Amino acid sequence: MSERNEPPTGGLDAYIEAAAGLLAIPLDPTWIGAIGSNLAVLRAAAAHVAEFPLADAVDAAPVYEA
């Protein structure tokens, strides 16, 4: 298994191609590099959010009622 912040085996290109096929999204192969770059940036941003410490008393997912 890969490290937590590492792309899956085969890299992001393999993930992008697999996800596009699974979701039946037509994908121009010239966009795979740009999509991979965006996913790498999003993964780094998500890591900052995931690593932010929360006190035990904090409700991390409050219920919103309209």
C-alpha atoms as a PDB file:
ATOM      1  CA  MET A   1       0.000   0.000   0.000  1.00  0.00           C
ATOM      2  CA  SER A   2       1.256   3.489  -0.789  1.00  0.00           C
ATOM      3  CA  GLU A   3       2.011   6.251   1.693  1.00  0.00           C
ATOM      4  CA  ARG A   4      -0.934   8.401   2.745  1.00  0.00           C
ATOM      5  CA  ASN A   5       0.120  11.412   0.664  1.00  0.00           C
ATOM      6  CA  GLU A   6       1.394   9.459  -2.325  1.00  0.00           C
ATOM      7  CA  PRO A   7      -0.578   8.748  -5.502  1.00  0.00           C
ATOM      8  CA  PRO A   8      -1.906   5.227  -5.974  1.00  0.00           C
ATOM      9  CA  THR A   9       0.294   2.625  -7.654  1.00  0.00           C
ATOM     10  CA  GLY A  10       0.679   3.652 -11.284  1.00  0.00           C
ATOM     11  CA  GLY A  11       0.598   7.356 -10.468  1.00  0.00           C
ATOM     12  CA  LEU A  12      -2.087   9.929 -10.998  1.00  0.00           C
ATOM     13  CA  ASP A  13      -2.250   9.305 -14.748  1.00  0.00           C
ATOM     14  CA  ALA A  14      -3.477   5.756 -14.168  1.00  0.00           C
ATOM     15  CA  TYR A  15      -5.992   6.999 -11.591  1.00  0.00           C
ATOM     16  CA  ILE A  16      -7.289   9.716 -13.927  1.00  0.00           C
ATOM     17  CA  GLU A  17      -7.724   7.287 -16.805  1.00  0.00           C
ATOM     18  CA  ALA A  18      -9.452   4.726 -14.570  1.00  0.00           C
ATOM     19  CA  ALA A  19     -11.778   7.319 -13.015  1.00  0.00           C
ATOM     20  CA  ALA A  20     -12.688   8.763 -16.417  1.00  0.00           C
ATOM     21  CA  GLY A  21     -13.500   5.285 -17.695  1.00  0.00           C
ATOM     22  CA  LEU A  22     -15.509   4.376 -14.600  1.00  0.00           C
ATOM     23  CA  LEU A  23     -17.527   7.596 -14.802  1.00  0.00           C
ATOM     24  CA  ALA A  24     -17.843   7.348 -18.610  1.00  0.00           C
ATOM     25  CA  ILE A  25     -16.305  10.796 -19.040  1.00  0.00           C
ATOM     26  CA  PRO A  26     -14.680  11.356 -22.425  1.00  0.00           C
ATOM     27  CA  LEU A  27     -11.154  12.566 -21.760  1.00  0.00           C
ATOM     28  CA  ASP A  28      -8.736  14.106 -24.238  1.00  0.00           C
ATOM     29  CA  PRO A  29      -5.341  12.539 -23.421  1.00  0.00           C
ATOM     30  CA  THR A  30      -3.669  15.949 -23.711  1.00  0.00           C
ATOM     31  CA  TRP A  31      -5.520  17.050 -20.542  1.00  0.00           C
ATOM     32  CA  ILE A  32      -4.235  14.226 -18.323  1.00  0.00           C
ATOM     33  CA  GLY A  33      -1.125  16.169 -17.259  1.00  0.00           C
ATOM     34  CA  ALA A  34      -3.130  19.274 -16.302  1.00  0.00           C
ATOM     35  CA  ILE A  35      -5.701  17.206 -14.426  1.00  0.00           C
ATOM     36  CA  GLY A  36      -2.882  15.433 -12.582  1.00  0.00           C
ATOM     37  CA  SER A  37      -1.339  18.769 -11.602  1.00  0.00           C
ATOM     38  CA  ASN A  38      -4.670  19.982 -10.223  1.00  0.00           C
ATOM     39  CA  LEU A  39      -5.188  16.758  -8.274  1.00  0.00           C
ATOM     40  CA  ALA A  40      -1.698  17.072  -6.774  1.00  0.00           C
ATOM     41  CA  VAL A  41      -2.469  20.617  -5.585  1.00  0.00           C
ATOM     42  CA  LEU A  42      -5.831  19.514  -4.173  1.00  0.00           C
ATOM     43  CA  ARG A  43      -4.195  16.564  -2.398  1.00  0.00           C
ATOM     44  CA  ALA A  44      -1.682  18.909  -0.755  1.00  0.00           C
ATOM     45  CA  ALA A  45      -4.460  21.285   0.349  1.00  0.00           C
ATOM     46  CA  ALA A  46      -6.530  18.395   1.703  1.00  0.00           C
ATOM     47  CA  ALA A  47      -3.522  17.189   3.697  1.00  0.00           C
ATOM     48  CA  HIS A  48      -3.390  20.544   5.510  1.00  0.00           C
ATOM     49  CA  VAL A  49      -7.078  20.257   6.411  1.00  0.00           C
ATOM     50  CA  ALA A  50      -6.759  16.622   7.496  1.00  0.00           C
ATOM     51  CA  GLU A  51      -3.725  17.372   9.689  1.00  0.00           C
ATOM     52  CA  PHE A  52      -5.346  20.317  11.496  1.00  0.00           C
ATOM     53  CA  PRO A  53      -5.710  19.350  15.159  1.00  0.00           C
ATOM     54  CA  LEU A  54      -9.179  19.476  16.682  1.00  0.00           C
ATOM     55  CA  ALA A  55      -9.960  19.279  20.374  1.00  0.00           C
ATOM     56  CA  ASP A  56     -12.067  16.313  21.467  1.00  0.00           C
ATOM     57  CA  ALA A  57     -14.878  18.676  22.475  1.00  0.00           C
ATOM     58  CA  VAL A  58     -15.176  20.129  18.955  1.00  0.00           C
ATOM     59  CA  ASP A  59     -18.036  18.874  16.814  1.00  0.00           C
ATOM     60  CA  ALA A  60     -16.304  18.332  13.473  1.00  0.00           C
ATOM     61  CA  ALA A  61     -19.558  17.806  11.568  1.00  0.00           C
ATOM     62  CA  PRO A  62     -22.367  19.926  13.005  1.00  0.00           C
ATOM     63  CA  VAL A  63     -25.905  19.379  11.773  1.00  0.00           C
ATOM     64  CA  TYR A  64     -27.256  22.211   9.629  1.00  0.00           C
ATOM     65  CA  GLU A  65     -30.974  22.857   9.732  1.00  0.00           C
ATOM     66  CA  ALA A  66     -32.641  25.357   7.408  1.00  0.00           C
END
